[in-house]
């Protein structure tokens, strides 16, 4: 993937610069267009306290819920392509515990309409993947199966367990071997080690201390990592450059890993629900209430993360927008600045630039 810095997309960069000036600690914006990186800039700080640590374009971010499509969704796509599962397989085929929640299929989980809750309380706990699957099965019925969109970390965690049950390998190892390394995403990983942790943006609101860098923000993912497991809902760290490589391969129809029809399956509506609630692919968002596409094509897709991360892809123009911020690490004296309107504003600005 070649680089071509151009002023054409600078108005989008100016929006990010303004948000950092108003209180977002730091940000990296990378835009891919027609096979080239056309904008790659960073602003602000990777950490603010006890001393300011400058942001760089090589900073690693806690991707939070971008883990869902980029790790878990990518793994599921490999299994769909290999016909090791289908979207309409019952979950209990792979996780027998789900016989207590009959009628839930892989399709229900990937589109967040399985009727299970968003999640549970896992702060300051250690829990294994089998234990949390049991808690998911025993959780309250939040809605009827296939009746309502409920964005659910539990759904993604169960899907990660499905992947592990099929491949007999931990989710992070499977993704690294089968997706990340083949696509040259060498700095995309769960649990950054001692070599990568110093380059990680702060993931907490408190002090940016060396011992806290590279620690996942999501409490459920942290609880699983503490027990030696990884989570399908969060925990992945990456750089804008690695995500740019991922986006470019997706825009090329999955070159080197997937067939184009598999990418279309992943990134087009697969939900049984009508209307905006049904605008979900295989863990990718298309047009739900969480979508940040702004004025971009209705055939675009992407996802957001709680820590302040987002990725959005537009196949028709060969464009991808990767915006990474450490918004949870807000300045103590600052009014918190939401990155949600910023994401939509950047998408709309890019839509104007690409016509």
Protein backbone atom coordinates (compact mmCIF):
# COMPACT_ATOMS: atom_id res chain seq x y z
CA UNK A 1 0.00 0.00 0.00
CA UNK A 2 1.58 3.25 -1.13
CA UNK A 3 1.44 6.64 0.60
CA UNK A 4 0.34 9.89 -1.01
CA UNK A 5 -0.08 12.86 1.30
CA UNK A 6 -2.48 15.32 -0.31
CA UNK A 7 -4.22 18.49 0.79
CA UNK A 8 -7.46 17.26 -0.80
CA UNK A 9 -8.54 15.62 2.46
CA UNK A 10 -7.12 18.29 4.75
CA UNK A 11 -10.57 19.65 5.71
CA UNK A 12 -11.26 16.32 7.44
CA UNK A 13 -7.97 16.63 9.31
CA UNK A 14 -8.91 20.12 10.43
CA UNK A 15 -12.02 18.73 12.13
CA UNK A 16 -9.88 16.34 14.17
CA UNK A 17 -7.38 19.08 15.03
CA UNK A 18 -10.26 21.23 16.32
CA UNK A 19 -11.58 18.37 18.50
CA UNK A 20 -8.13 17.88 20.04
CA UNK A 21 -7.89 21.60 20.70
CA UNK A 22 -11.25 21.39 22.52
CA UNK A 23 -10.31 18.49 24.79
CA UNK A 24 -9.76 15.15 23.04
CA UNK A 25 -6.31 14.15 24.40
CA UNK A 26 -4.91 12.92 21.09
CA UNK A 27 -5.81 11.40 17.74
CA UNK A 28 -4.50 9.73 14.61
CA UNK A 29 -6.39 10.01 11.33
CA UNK A 30 -5.57 7.80 8.36
CA UNK A 31 -7.53 7.87 5.10
CA UNK A 32 -7.13 5.29 2.33
CA UNK A 33 -8.43 6.16 -1.13
CA UNK A 34 -8.09 4.11 -4.30
CA UNK A 35 -5.19 2.03 -3.07
CA UNK A 36 -3.18 4.83 -1.46
CA UNK A 37 -2.90 6.36 1.98
CA UNK A 38 -3.89 9.92 1.15
CA UNK A 39 -3.82 11.33 4.67
CA UNK A 40 -1.89 10.24 7.76
CA UNK A 41 -1.68 12.74 10.63
CA UNK A 42 -1.57 12.80 14.41
CA UNK A 43 -2.35 15.40 17.06
CA UNK A 44 -2.09 15.85 20.80
CA UNK A 45 -0.85 13.38 23.35
CA UNK A 46 -0.84 9.64 23.91
CA UNK A 47 -0.84 10.39 27.63
CA UNK A 48 -1.43 13.53 29.70
CA UNK A 49 -0.53 12.71 33.30
CA UNK A 50 1.76 12.69 35.20
CA UNK A 51 3.58 14.14 32.17
CA UNK A 52 2.61 14.72 28.58
CA UNK A 53 3.61 11.99 26.14
CA UNK A 54 3.33 13.10 22.48
CA UNK A 55 1.06 11.22 20.11
CA UNK A 56 2.72 9.68 17.06
CA UNK A 57 1.26 8.03 13.96
CA UNK A 58 2.82 4.78 15.20
CA UNK A 59 0.96 4.80 18.55
CA UNK A 60 -0.97 1.64 19.43
CA UNK A 61 -4.57 2.04 20.59
CA UNK A 62 -6.92 -0.13 22.58
CA UNK A 63 -9.44 -0.79 19.79
CA UNK A 64 -12.26 -1.76 22.20
CA UNK A 65 -15.24 -2.95 20.14
CA UNK A 66 -13.37 -2.79 16.84
CA UNK A 67 -12.20 -6.18 18.12
CA UNK A 68 -15.63 -7.55 17.22
CA UNK A 69 -15.39 -7.22 13.42
CA UNK A 70 -11.60 -7.18 13.01
CA UNK A 71 -10.77 -10.21 15.16
CA UNK A 72 -13.93 -12.21 15.85
CA UNK A 73 -15.68 -11.32 12.59
CA UNK A 74 -12.58 -12.08 10.54
CA UNK A 75 -12.22 -15.46 12.22
CA UNK A 76 -15.88 -16.28 11.61
CA UNK A 77 -15.49 -15.33 7.94
CA UNK A 78 -12.71 -17.91 7.57
CA UNK A 79 -14.97 -20.57 9.07
CA UNK A 80 -17.91 -19.53 6.89
CA UNK A 81 -15.72 -19.74 3.81
CA UNK A 82 -14.43 -23.17 4.84
CA UNK A 83 -18.05 -24.28 5.48
CA UNK A 84 -17.24 -25.18 9.06
CA UNK A 85 -20.35 -23.27 10.09
CA UNK A 86 -23.23 -21.33 8.55
CA UNK A 87 -25.06 -18.27 9.80
CA UNK A 88 -28.15 -20.36 10.45
CA UNK A 89 -26.44 -23.05 12.53
CA UNK A 90 -27.78 -23.24 16.10
CA UNK A 91 -25.19 -22.04 18.59
CA UNK A 92 -25.73 -25.17 20.69
CA UNK A 93 -24.13 -27.20 17.88
CA UNK A 94 -20.80 -25.70 18.94
CA UNK A 95 -21.51 -24.69 22.55
CA UNK A 96 -23.76 -27.39 24.08
CA UNK A 97 -24.57 -25.10 27.02
CA UNK A 98 -26.75 -23.07 24.65
CA UNK A 99 -29.30 -25.90 24.61
CA UNK A 100 -30.70 -23.94 27.57
CA UNK A 101 -31.31 -20.99 25.19
CA UNK A 102 -32.91 -22.81 22.23
CA UNK A 103 -33.43 -21.12 18.89
CA UNK A 104 -30.36 -18.87 18.96
CA UNK A 105 -28.32 -19.12 15.77
CA UNK A 106 -24.96 -17.70 14.68
CA UNK A 107 -26.93 -15.14 12.65
CA UNK A 108 -28.69 -13.89 15.79
CA UNK A 109 -25.37 -13.42 17.59
CA UNK A 110 -23.52 -11.64 14.77
CA UNK A 111 -26.41 -9.18 14.29
CA UNK A 112 -27.10 -8.60 18.00
CA UNK A 113 -30.67 -9.90 18.06
CA UNK A 114 -30.28 -13.08 20.14
CA UNK A 115 -32.33 -11.64 23.00
CA UNK A 116 -29.44 -11.82 25.46
CA UNK A 117 -28.30 -8.83 27.57
CA UNK A 118 -25.54 -6.41 26.67
CA UNK A 119 -23.22 -7.85 29.29
CA UNK A 120 -22.57 -8.28 32.99
CA UNK A 121 -20.48 -6.94 35.88
CA UNK A 122 -16.86 -8.09 35.60
CA UNK A 123 -14.78 -5.33 37.15
CA UNK A 124 -12.15 -6.72 39.52
CA UNK A 125 -12.97 -10.31 38.60
CA UNK A 126 -11.15 -13.10 36.81
CA UNK A 127 -13.35 -15.40 34.78
CA UNK A 128 -12.55 -18.14 32.27
CA UNK A 129 -14.22 -18.37 28.88
CA UNK A 130 -16.25 -21.49 29.83
CA UNK A 131 -17.38 -19.72 33.00
CA UNK A 132 -18.56 -16.63 31.17
CA UNK A 133 -20.33 -18.74 28.51
CA UNK A 134 -22.22 -20.35 31.39
CA UNK A 135 -23.14 -16.92 32.74
CA UNK A 136 -24.34 -15.85 29.28
CA UNK A 137 -26.55 -18.91 29.03
CA UNK A 138 -28.02 -18.25 32.48
CA UNK A 139 -28.48 -14.51 31.88
CA UNK A 140 -31.93 -12.97 31.82
CA UNK A 141 -34.03 -12.98 28.68
CA UNK A 142 -33.77 -9.42 27.39
CA UNK A 143 -36.05 -10.02 24.38
CA UNK A 144 -37.37 -12.83 22.24
CA UNK A 145 -34.89 -14.46 19.88
CA UNK A 146 -34.78 -12.48 16.62
CA UNK A 147 -37.24 -9.86 17.88
CA UNK A 148 -35.10 -6.88 18.91
CA UNK A 149 -31.67 -5.35 18.30
CA UNK A 150 -29.70 -5.25 21.57
CA UNK A 151 -26.03 -4.40 21.09
CA UNK A 152 -24.35 -7.09 23.15
CA UNK A 153 -20.80 -7.81 24.28
CA UNK A 154 -22.13 -11.17 25.42
CA UNK A 155 -22.97 -12.05 21.80
CA UNK A 156 -19.41 -11.36 20.62
CA UNK A 157 -17.91 -13.26 23.55
CA UNK A 158 -20.06 -16.28 22.72
CA UNK A 159 -18.95 -16.04 19.09
CA UNK A 160 -15.31 -16.01 20.18
CA UNK A 161 -16.02 -19.20 22.13
CA UNK A 162 -17.63 -20.72 19.02
CA UNK A 163 -14.47 -20.00 17.01
CA UNK A 164 -12.27 -21.58 19.66
CA UNK A 165 -14.52 -24.64 19.87
CA UNK A 166 -14.27 -25.20 16.11
CA UNK A 167 -10.57 -24.51 15.54
CA UNK A 168 -9.24 -25.85 18.85
CA UNK A 169 -7.08 -22.76 19.26
CA UNK A 170 -7.32 -19.54 21.20
CA UNK A 171 -8.97 -16.71 19.25
CA UNK A 172 -5.97 -14.36 19.34
CA UNK A 173 -3.57 -17.02 18.05
CA UNK A 174 -5.93 -18.08 15.28
CA UNK A 175 -6.43 -14.47 14.12
CA UNK A 176 -2.73 -13.72 14.24
CA UNK A 177 -1.80 -16.77 12.15
CA UNK A 178 -4.66 -16.66 9.67
CA UNK A 179 -5.45 -12.94 9.27
CA UNK A 180 -3.04 -10.47 10.83
CA UNK A 181 0.31 -11.87 9.73
CA UNK A 182 -0.85 -12.73 6.18
CA UNK A 183 -2.03 -9.12 5.84
CA UNK A 184 1.22 -7.71 7.31
CA UNK A 185 -0.53 -6.47 10.46
CA UNK A 186 2.51 -7.20 12.60
CA UNK A 187 1.58 -4.83 15.43
CA UNK A 188 -2.03 -5.94 15.85
CA UNK A 189 -2.34 -8.06 18.97
CA UNK A 190 -4.10 -8.82 22.19
CA UNK A 191 -2.03 -8.08 25.31
CA UNK A 192 0.82 -5.94 23.95
CA UNK A 193 4.10 -7.20 25.37
CA UNK A 194 6.96 -5.27 26.90
CA UNK A 195 8.18 -4.14 23.48
CA UNK A 196 4.85 -2.64 22.36
CA UNK A 197 3.31 -1.43 25.65
CA UNK A 198 5.45 1.75 25.86
CA UNK A 199 3.95 2.86 22.52
CA UNK A 200 0.33 2.40 23.63
CA UNK A 201 -1.98 5.35 24.17
CA UNK A 202 -3.45 5.65 27.64
CA UNK A 203 -6.54 3.49 28.03
CA UNK A 204 -7.82 4.84 31.35
CA UNK A 205 -8.99 8.20 32.67
CA UNK A 206 -6.37 8.18 35.43
CA UNK A 207 -2.61 8.66 35.32
CA UNK A 208 -0.66 7.37 32.33
CA UNK A 209 1.80 5.24 34.28
CA UNK A 210 4.16 2.82 32.48
CA UNK A 211 2.71 -0.20 34.29
CA UNK A 212 -0.79 0.61 33.03
CA UNK A 213 0.08 0.96 29.35
CA UNK A 214 -1.13 -1.81 27.10
CA UNK A 215 -3.84 -2.84 29.57
CA UNK A 216 -7.29 -3.32 28.09
CA UNK A 217 -9.93 -0.81 29.16
CA UNK A 218 -12.96 -3.09 28.82
CA UNK A 219 -13.63 -4.77 32.21
CA UNK A 220 -15.02 -7.98 30.72
CA UNK A 221 -12.04 -8.46 28.40
CA UNK A 222 -9.75 -7.66 31.34
CA UNK A 223 -11.50 -10.29 33.48
CA UNK A 224 -10.95 -12.91 30.77
CA UNK A 225 -7.33 -11.90 30.21
CA UNK A 226 -6.71 -12.21 33.93
CA UNK A 227 -7.78 -15.83 33.68
CA UNK A 228 -5.50 -16.49 30.70
CA UNK A 229 -8.25 -16.15 28.08
CA UNK A 230 -9.11 -13.58 25.41
CA UNK A 231 -12.44 -12.03 24.55
CA UNK A 232 -14.39 -11.77 21.31
CA UNK A 233 -15.79 -8.38 22.26
CA UNK A 234 -12.68 -6.30 23.08
CA UNK A 235 -8.99 -6.49 23.89
CA UNK A 236 -7.33 -5.99 20.50
CA UNK A 237 -4.63 -3.31 20.12
CA UNK A 238 -3.43 -1.92 16.80
CA UNK A 239 -2.03 1.06 14.91
CA UNK A 240 -3.61 3.20 12.22
CA UNK A 241 -1.12 1.80 9.70
CA UNK A 242 -2.09 -1.81 10.44
CA UNK A 243 -5.78 -0.95 10.22
CA UNK A 244 -5.07 0.77 6.92
CA UNK A 245 -3.59 -2.49 5.61
CA UNK A 246 -6.63 -4.38 6.84
CA UNK A 247 -9.00 -1.88 5.23
CA UNK A 248 -7.17 -1.98 1.91
CA UNK A 249 -7.41 -5.77 1.74
CA UNK A 250 -11.10 -5.65 2.59
CA UNK A 251 -11.67 -3.03 -0.12
CA UNK A 252 -9.87 -5.38 -2.52
CA UNK A 253 -12.38 -8.12 -1.77
CA UNK A 254 -10.33 -9.92 0.87
CA UNK A 255 -7.31 -10.46 -1.36
CA UNK A 256 -5.08 -13.25 -0.08
CA UNK A 257 -7.51 -14.65 2.50
CA UNK A 258 -11.17 -14.42 1.48
CA UNK A 259 -13.16 -14.71 -1.69
CA UNK A 260 -15.01 -11.48 -2.64
CA UNK A 261 -18.36 -13.16 -1.97
CA UNK A 262 -17.27 -13.85 1.62
CA UNK A 263 -16.46 -10.17 2.15
CA UNK A 264 -19.88 -9.25 0.70
CA UNK A 265 -21.55 -11.66 3.12
CA UNK A 266 -19.67 -10.11 6.04
CA UNK A 267 -20.44 -6.53 5.11
CA UNK A 268 -24.03 -6.57 3.85
CA UNK A 269 -27.20 -6.83 5.99
CA UNK A 270 -27.63 -10.29 7.52
CA UNK A 271 -30.12 -9.52 10.28
CA UNK A 272 -33.66 -10.94 10.32
CA UNK A 273 -34.88 -7.58 11.58
CA UNK A 274 -36.34 -4.94 9.21
CA UNK A 275 -35.37 -1.29 9.03
CA UNK A 276 -32.28 0.38 10.52
CA UNK A 277 -32.03 -2.20 13.32
CA UNK A 278 -31.43 -4.83 10.67
CA UNK A 279 -28.54 -2.98 9.07
CA UNK A 280 -25.87 -5.26 10.52
CA UNK A 281 -23.49 -7.64 8.77
CA UNK A 282 -21.24 -10.28 10.34
CA UNK A 283 -20.33 -8.10 13.34
CA UNK A 284 -20.00 -5.08 11.02
CA UNK A 285 -22.33 -2.09 11.33
CA UNK A 286 -23.94 -0.73 8.17
CA UNK A 287 -26.76 1.59 9.12
CA UNK A 288 -27.88 0.97 12.70
CA UNK A 289 -28.22 3.72 15.29
CA UNK A 290 -24.51 3.20 16.06
CA UNK A 291 -23.41 3.88 12.48
CA UNK A 292 -21.11 6.85 11.88
CA UNK A 293 -21.23 6.94 8.08
CA UNK A 294 -22.57 10.51 7.94
CA UNK A 295 -23.13 11.33 4.28
CA UNK A 296 -21.17 8.31 3.03
CA UNK A 297 -22.76 5.66 0.84
CA UNK A 298 -25.45 3.43 2.34
CA UNK A 299 -23.37 0.51 1.04
CA UNK A 300 -20.50 1.44 3.36
CA UNK A 301 -19.74 -0.32 6.64
CA UNK A 302 -17.62 -0.01 9.75
CA UNK A 303 -17.59 -0.05 13.54
CA UNK A 304 -16.76 2.06 16.58
CA UNK A 305 -15.04 1.43 19.90
CA UNK A 306 -15.79 2.87 23.33
CA UNK A 307 -12.23 4.08 23.86
CA UNK A 308 -12.63 6.49 20.95
CA UNK A 309 -11.72 4.37 17.95
CA UNK A 310 -13.52 3.89 14.64
CA UNK A 311 -13.13 2.49 11.13
CA UNK A 312 -15.44 3.02 8.16
CA UNK A 313 -15.06 1.60 4.64
CA UNK A 314 -16.68 2.66 1.36
CA UNK A 315 -16.24 -0.09 -1.27
CA UNK A 316 -17.75 1.93 -4.13
CA UNK A 317 -14.97 4.54 -3.96
CA UNK A 318 -12.21 2.42 -2.45
CA UNK A 319 -12.10 4.64 0.64
CA UNK A 320 -11.48 3.89 4.31
CA UNK A 321 -11.46 6.29 7.27
CA UNK A 322 -9.55 5.23 10.38
CA UNK A 323 -9.87 7.59 13.33
CA UNK A 324 -8.16 6.55 16.56
CA UNK A 325 -8.42 8.62 19.74
CA UNK A 326 -7.77 8.05 23.43
CA UNK A 327 -10.95 9.85 24.42
CA UNK A 328 -11.32 8.00 27.73
CA UNK A 329 -8.08 9.61 28.92
CA UNK A 330 -9.56 13.06 29.19
CA UNK A 331 -7.78 16.07 30.67
CA UNK A 332 -8.72 16.59 34.31
CA UNK A 333 -9.60 20.24 33.70
CA UNK A 334 -11.51 19.60 30.47
CA UNK A 335 -15.17 19.06 29.75
CA UNK A 336 -15.36 15.68 28.08
CA UNK A 337 -15.60 15.99 24.31
CA UNK A 338 -17.68 13.31 22.62
CA UNK A 339 -16.03 11.76 19.57
CA UNK A 340 -19.38 10.54 18.19
CA UNK A 341 -20.26 13.79 16.36
CA UNK A 342 -16.61 14.10 15.30
CA UNK A 343 -16.73 10.68 13.62
CA UNK A 344 -19.87 11.58 11.69
CA UNK A 345 -18.50 15.00 10.75
CA UNK A 346 -15.28 13.44 9.41
CA UNK A 347 -17.30 10.89 7.41
CA UNK A 348 -19.45 13.62 5.91
CA UNK A 349 -16.41 15.73 5.04
CA UNK A 350 -14.74 12.78 3.34
CA UNK A 351 -17.99 12.13 1.44
CA UNK A 352 -17.73 15.66 0.03
CA UNK A 353 -14.09 15.11 -0.93
CA UNK A 354 -14.84 11.90 -2.86
CA UNK A 355 -18.01 13.25 -4.43
